[in-house]
Amino acid sequence: MQTLAHWDGGPGPWILFFPLIWAAVILGGVTLLRRTVWRGRGAARGAQAAEAQTPDAQSPITVLGHRFASGEIDEDEYWRRLTVLDEQFGRHATGGGRKGGTA
């Protein structure tokens, strides 16, 4: 009786075992890199691209800030509208929302 360990006609089916081990090692290395190193780089790039698409980018308070920054409305109009939006959306100003504060 011939077993796989004592095959007299050459290496037998065990020859396929070593390429499978190397394929598993390479696949594991690529998977590990994708989950650690490469994900950090991609997340930074993706966060910058997705930043403009977040719901906060089109919130009324953000739009108001853009209009004030571009000069469409003056400071008094900005603060009047900001007060109304703060009341409507329930946002509480924490330091940066006071008139005359530093940026």
N, C-alpha and C. Protein backbone atom coordinates (compact mmCIF):
# COMPACT_ATOMS: atom_id res chain seq x y z
N MET A 1 0.83 -1.17 0.00
CA MET A 1 0.00 0.00 0.00
C MET A 1 0.88 1.24 0.00
N GLN A 2 0.59 2.14 -0.91
CA GLN A 2 1.37 3.36 -0.99
C GLN A 2 0.57 4.51 -0.37
N THR A 3 1.23 5.27 0.46
CA THR A 3 0.58 6.44 1.06
C THR A 3 1.14 7.69 0.41
N LEU A 4 0.53 8.80 0.68
CA LEU A 4 0.99 10.05 0.09
C LEU A 4 2.38 10.43 0.58
N ALA A 5 2.73 10.05 1.80
CA ALA A 5 4.05 10.39 2.34
C ALA A 5 5.15 9.58 1.69
N HIS A 6 4.86 8.39 1.19
CA HIS A 6 5.88 7.52 0.58
C HIS A 6 5.51 7.20 -0.85
N TRP A 7 5.31 8.18 -1.64
CA TRP A 7 4.94 7.99 -3.03
C TRP A 7 6.21 7.69 -3.82
N ASP A 8 6.26 6.61 -4.49
CA ASP A 8 7.48 6.21 -5.20
C ASP A 8 7.60 6.85 -6.58
N GLY A 9 6.53 7.43 -7.10
CA GLY A 9 6.56 7.95 -8.45
C GLY A 9 6.88 9.44 -8.51
N GLY A 10 7.49 10.04 -7.50
CA GLY A 10 7.80 11.46 -7.49
C GLY A 10 7.16 12.15 -6.29
N PRO A 11 7.07 13.45 -6.34
CA PRO A 11 6.57 14.18 -5.16
C PRO A 11 5.07 14.00 -4.93
N GLY A 12 4.34 13.61 -5.94
CA GLY A 12 2.92 13.36 -5.76
C GLY A 12 2.13 14.64 -5.56
N PRO A 13 0.96 14.52 -4.98
CA PRO A 13 0.09 15.69 -4.83
C PRO A 13 0.60 16.71 -3.80
N TRP A 14 1.62 16.34 -3.00
CA TRP A 14 2.15 17.27 -2.01
C TRP A 14 2.85 18.47 -2.66
N ILE A 15 3.21 18.35 -3.91
CA ILE A 15 3.88 19.45 -4.61
C ILE A 15 2.96 20.67 -4.68
N LEU A 16 1.66 20.46 -4.68
CA LEU A 16 0.71 21.57 -4.72
C LEU A 16 0.57 22.27 -3.37
N PHE A 17 0.98 21.61 -2.32
CA PHE A 17 0.81 22.15 -0.97
C PHE A 17 1.67 23.40 -0.76
N PHE A 18 2.90 23.41 -1.23
CA PHE A 18 3.81 24.54 -0.99
C PHE A 18 3.40 25.82 -1.73
N PRO A 19 2.98 25.76 -2.98
CA PRO A 19 2.47 27.00 -3.60
C PRO A 19 1.22 27.54 -2.90
N LEU A 20 0.39 26.65 -2.37
CA LEU A 20 -0.78 27.12 -1.63
C LEU A 20 -0.38 27.82 -0.34
N ILE A 21 0.66 27.33 0.31
CA ILE A 21 1.15 27.99 1.53
C ILE A 21 1.66 29.39 1.18
N TRP A 22 2.47 29.49 0.10
CA TRP A 22 2.99 30.80 -0.28
C TRP A 22 1.86 31.75 -0.70
N ALA A 23 0.86 31.25 -1.38
CA ALA A 23 -0.28 32.09 -1.77
C ALA A 23 -1.01 32.60 -0.53
N ALA A 24 -1.15 31.73 0.48
CA ALA A 24 -1.81 32.14 1.72
C ALA A 24 -0.99 33.19 2.47
N VAL A 25 0.33 33.04 2.48
CA VAL A 25 1.20 34.03 3.15
C VAL A 25 1.11 35.38 2.45
N ILE A 26 1.17 35.39 1.13
CA ILE A 26 1.09 36.65 0.37
C ILE A 26 -0.28 37.29 0.54
N LEU A 27 -1.33 36.50 0.46
CA LEU A 27 -2.68 37.02 0.63
C LEU A 27 -2.87 37.58 2.05
N GLY A 28 -2.34 36.89 3.03
CA GLY A 28 -2.42 37.39 4.40
C GLY A 28 -1.66 38.69 4.59
N GLY A 29 -0.49 38.81 3.96
CA GLY A 29 0.28 40.05 4.05
C GLY A 29 -0.43 41.22 3.41
N VAL A 30 -1.00 41.00 2.24
CA VAL A 30 -1.74 42.06 1.56
C VAL A 30 -2.97 42.46 2.38
N THR A 31 -3.66 41.49 2.93
CA THR A 31 -4.83 41.78 3.76
C THR A 31 -4.44 42.58 4.98
N LEU A 32 -3.34 42.21 5.61
CA LEU A 32 -2.87 42.93 6.79
C LEU A 32 -2.49 44.36 6.44
N LEU A 33 -1.82 44.56 5.33
CA LEU A 33 -1.46 45.92 4.91
C LEU A 33 -2.69 46.75 4.59
N ARG A 34 -3.67 46.15 3.94
CA ARG A 34 -4.89 46.89 3.60
C ARG A 34 -5.65 47.31 4.84
N ARG A 35 -5.62 46.49 5.87
CA ARG A 35 -6.37 46.81 7.08
C ARG A 35 -5.64 47.78 7.99
N THR A 36 -4.35 47.95 7.82
CA THR A 36 -3.60 48.83 8.72
C THR A 36 -3.02 50.03 7.99
N VAL A 37 -1.96 49.84 7.27
CA VAL A 37 -1.21 50.94 6.67
C VAL A 37 -1.99 51.63 5.57
N TRP A 38 -2.45 50.89 4.61
CA TRP A 38 -3.11 51.49 3.45
C TRP A 38 -4.44 52.12 3.82
N ARG A 39 -5.12 51.61 4.83
CA ARG A 39 -6.41 52.17 5.23
C ARG A 39 -6.23 53.57 5.79
N GLY A 40 -5.16 53.80 6.53
CA GLY A 40 -4.92 55.13 7.08
C GLY A 40 -4.74 56.16 5.99
N ARG A 41 -4.00 55.81 4.94
CA ARG A 41 -3.79 56.74 3.83
C ARG A 41 -5.07 56.97 3.07
N GLY A 42 -5.81 55.93 2.79
CA GLY A 42 -7.05 56.05 2.05
C GLY A 42 -8.12 56.79 2.84
N ALA A 43 -8.14 56.60 4.16
CA ALA A 43 -9.12 57.28 4.99
C ALA A 43 -8.86 58.78 5.00
N ALA A 44 -7.59 59.18 4.99
CA ALA A 44 -7.29 60.61 4.96
C ALA A 44 -7.74 61.22 3.65
N ARG A 45 -7.49 60.54 2.54
CA ARG A 45 -7.92 61.04 1.24
C ARG A 45 -9.44 61.04 1.15
N GLY A 46 -10.06 59.97 1.62
CA GLY A 46 -11.51 59.86 1.56
C GLY A 46 -12.21 60.87 2.45
N ALA A 47 -11.61 61.19 3.59
CA ALA A 47 -12.21 62.16 4.49
C ALA A 47 -12.22 63.54 3.87
N GLN A 48 -11.16 63.89 3.15
CA GLN A 48 -11.12 65.20 2.50
C GLN A 48 -12.17 65.28 1.41
N ALA A 49 -12.34 64.22 0.65
CA ALA A 49 -13.32 64.23 -0.43
C ALA A 49 -14.74 64.19 0.13
N ALA A 50 -14.95 63.44 1.19
CA ALA A 50 -16.29 63.32 1.76
C ALA A 50 -16.66 64.51 2.62
N GLU A 51 -15.68 65.32 3.01
CA GLU A 51 -15.95 66.46 3.87
C GLU A 51 -16.94 67.42 3.24
N ALA A 52 -16.82 67.63 1.95
CA ALA A 52 -17.72 68.55 1.26
C ALA A 52 -19.10 67.94 1.06
N GLN A 53 -19.25 66.63 1.22
CA GLN A 53 -20.52 65.98 0.98
C GLN A 53 -21.27 65.65 2.26
N THR A 54 -20.73 66.04 3.42
CA THR A 54 -21.40 65.74 4.67
C THR A 54 -22.63 66.62 4.82
N PRO A 55 -23.62 66.18 5.57
CA PRO A 55 -24.81 67.00 5.77
C PRO A 55 -24.51 68.35 6.40
N ASP A 56 -23.47 68.43 7.25
CA ASP A 56 -23.12 69.69 7.89
C ASP A 56 -22.63 70.73 6.89
N ALA A 57 -22.10 70.29 5.75
CA ALA A 57 -21.58 71.23 4.76
C ALA A 57 -22.70 72.05 4.15
N GLN A 58 -23.93 71.54 4.17
CA GLN A 58 -25.07 72.28 3.62
C GLN A 58 -26.05 72.69 4.71
N SER A 59 -25.62 72.70 5.96
CA SER A 59 -26.52 73.13 7.02
C SER A 59 -26.75 74.64 6.91
N PRO A 60 -27.88 75.11 7.37
CA PRO A 60 -28.17 76.55 7.27
C PRO A 60 -27.13 77.43 7.96
N ILE A 61 -26.59 76.96 9.07
CA ILE A 61 -25.59 77.76 9.79
C ILE A 61 -24.31 77.85 8.98
N THR A 62 -23.92 76.77 8.32
CA THR A 62 -22.72 76.79 7.48
C THR A 62 -22.92 77.69 6.27
N VAL A 63 -24.11 77.61 5.67
CA VAL A 63 -24.40 78.46 4.51
C VAL A 63 -24.38 79.93 4.92
N LEU A 64 -24.93 80.20 6.10
CA LEU A 64 -24.90 81.57 6.61
C LEU A 64 -23.48 82.06 6.80
N GLY A 65 -22.63 81.19 7.35
CA GLY A 65 -21.22 81.56 7.53
C GLY A 65 -20.52 81.83 6.20
N HIS A 66 -20.83 81.03 5.18
CA HIS A 66 -20.24 81.26 3.86
C HIS A 66 -20.72 82.58 3.26
N ARG A 67 -21.99 82.88 3.45
CA ARG A 67 -22.52 84.13 2.91
C ARG A 67 -21.87 85.33 3.59
N PHE A 68 -21.65 85.22 4.90
CA PHE A 68 -20.99 86.31 5.62
C PHE A 68 -19.54 86.45 5.18
N ALA A 69 -18.87 85.33 5.02
CA ALA A 69 -17.46 85.35 4.61
C ALA A 69 -17.28 85.91 3.20
N SER A 70 -18.25 85.66 2.33
CA SER A 70 -18.12 86.15 0.96
C SER A 70 -18.59 87.60 0.82
N GLY A 71 -19.16 88.16 1.88
CA GLY A 71 -19.58 89.56 1.84
C GLY A 71 -20.99 89.77 1.37
N GLU A 72 -21.79 88.73 1.22
CA GLU A 72 -23.18 88.89 0.78
C GLU A 72 -24.02 89.57 1.83
N ILE A 73 -23.72 89.32 3.11
CA ILE A 73 -24.46 89.94 4.20
C ILE A 73 -23.48 90.61 5.14
N ASP A 74 -23.95 91.63 5.86
CA ASP A 74 -23.05 92.33 6.80
C ASP A 74 -23.09 91.64 8.16
N GLU A 75 -22.31 92.17 9.09
CA GLU A 75 -22.15 91.52 10.40
C GLU A 75 -23.45 91.53 11.20
N ASP A 76 -24.17 92.66 11.18
CA ASP A 76 -25.43 92.72 11.93
C ASP A 76 -26.44 91.71 11.41
N GLU A 77 -26.55 91.58 10.09
CA GLU A 77 -27.46 90.60 9.49
C GLU A 77 -27.03 89.18 9.87
N TYR A 78 -25.71 88.96 9.85
CA TYR A 78 -25.18 87.63 10.21
C TYR A 78 -25.61 87.25 11.63
N TRP A 79 -25.37 88.16 12.59
CA TRP A 79 -25.68 87.83 13.98
C TRP A 79 -27.19 87.69 14.20
N ARG A 80 -27.99 88.49 13.52
CA ARG A 80 -29.45 88.40 13.64
C ARG A 80 -29.92 87.04 13.14
N ARG A 81 -29.46 86.64 11.97
CA ARG A 81 -29.87 85.35 11.42
C ARG A 81 -29.31 84.17 12.21
N LEU A 82 -28.08 84.33 12.72
CA LEU A 82 -27.48 83.26 13.51
C LEU A 82 -28.28 83.02 14.79
N THR A 83 -28.76 84.08 15.40
CA THR A 83 -29.57 83.95 16.61
C THR A 83 -30.85 83.17 16.31
N VAL A 84 -31.48 83.49 15.20
CA VAL A 84 -32.71 82.77 14.81
C VAL A 84 -32.40 81.30 14.54
N LEU A 85 -31.31 81.02 13.83
CA LEU A 85 -30.96 79.62 13.52
C LEU A 85 -30.58 78.86 14.79
N ASP A 86 -29.89 79.53 15.71
CA ASP A 86 -29.55 78.87 16.98
C ASP A 86 -30.81 78.47 17.74
N GLU A 87 -31.80 79.34 17.74
CA GLU A 87 -33.04 79.01 18.42
C GLU A 87 -33.80 77.90 17.70
N GLN A 88 -33.79 77.95 16.38
CA GLN A 88 -34.54 76.96 15.60
C GLN A 88 -33.93 75.57 15.69
N PHE A 89 -32.60 75.48 15.59
CA PHE A 89 -31.94 74.18 15.58
C PHE A 89 -31.46 73.74 16.95
N GLY A 90 -31.60 74.59 17.95
CA GLY A 90 -31.23 74.20 19.30
C GLY A 90 -29.74 74.11 19.54
N ARG A 91 -28.97 74.78 18.70
CA ARG A 91 -27.52 74.77 18.88
C ARG A 91 -27.14 75.76 19.96
N HIS A 92 -26.25 75.35 20.83
CA HIS A 92 -25.78 76.24 21.87
C HIS A 92 -24.40 76.73 21.51
N ALA A 93 -24.21 78.03 21.51
CA ALA A 93 -22.90 78.59 21.19
C ALA A 93 -21.94 78.30 22.33
N THR A 94 -20.75 77.80 21.99
CA THR A 94 -19.75 77.48 23.00
C THR A 94 -18.49 78.28 22.74
N GLY A 95 -18.49 79.52 23.15
CA GLY A 95 -17.30 80.34 23.00
C GLY A 95 -17.18 81.03 21.67
N GLY A 96 -17.24 80.29 20.56
CA GLY A 96 -17.04 80.85 19.24
C GLY A 96 -18.27 81.55 18.69
N GLY A 97 -19.43 81.40 19.33
CA GLY A 97 -20.64 81.97 18.82
C GLY A 97 -20.98 83.33 19.37
N ARG A 98 -20.10 83.92 20.21
CA ARG A 98 -20.37 85.22 20.78
C ARG A 98 -19.87 86.34 19.89
N LYS A 99 -20.61 87.44 19.91
CA LYS A 99 -20.22 88.59 19.10
C LYS A 99 -18.96 89.21 19.69
N GLY A 100 -18.00 89.50 18.84
CA GLY A 100 -16.77 90.13 19.31
C GLY A 100 -15.71 89.15 19.73
N GLY A 101 -15.98 87.86 19.67
CA GLY A 101 -14.98 86.86 20.05
C GLY A 101 -13.93 86.71 18.98
N THR A 102 -12.82 86.14 19.35
CA THR A 102 -11.74 85.92 18.38
C THR A 102 -11.95 84.61 17.67
N ALA A 103 -11.46 84.54 16.47
CA ALA A 103 -11.63 83.33 15.67
C ALA A 103 -10.57 82.31 15.96
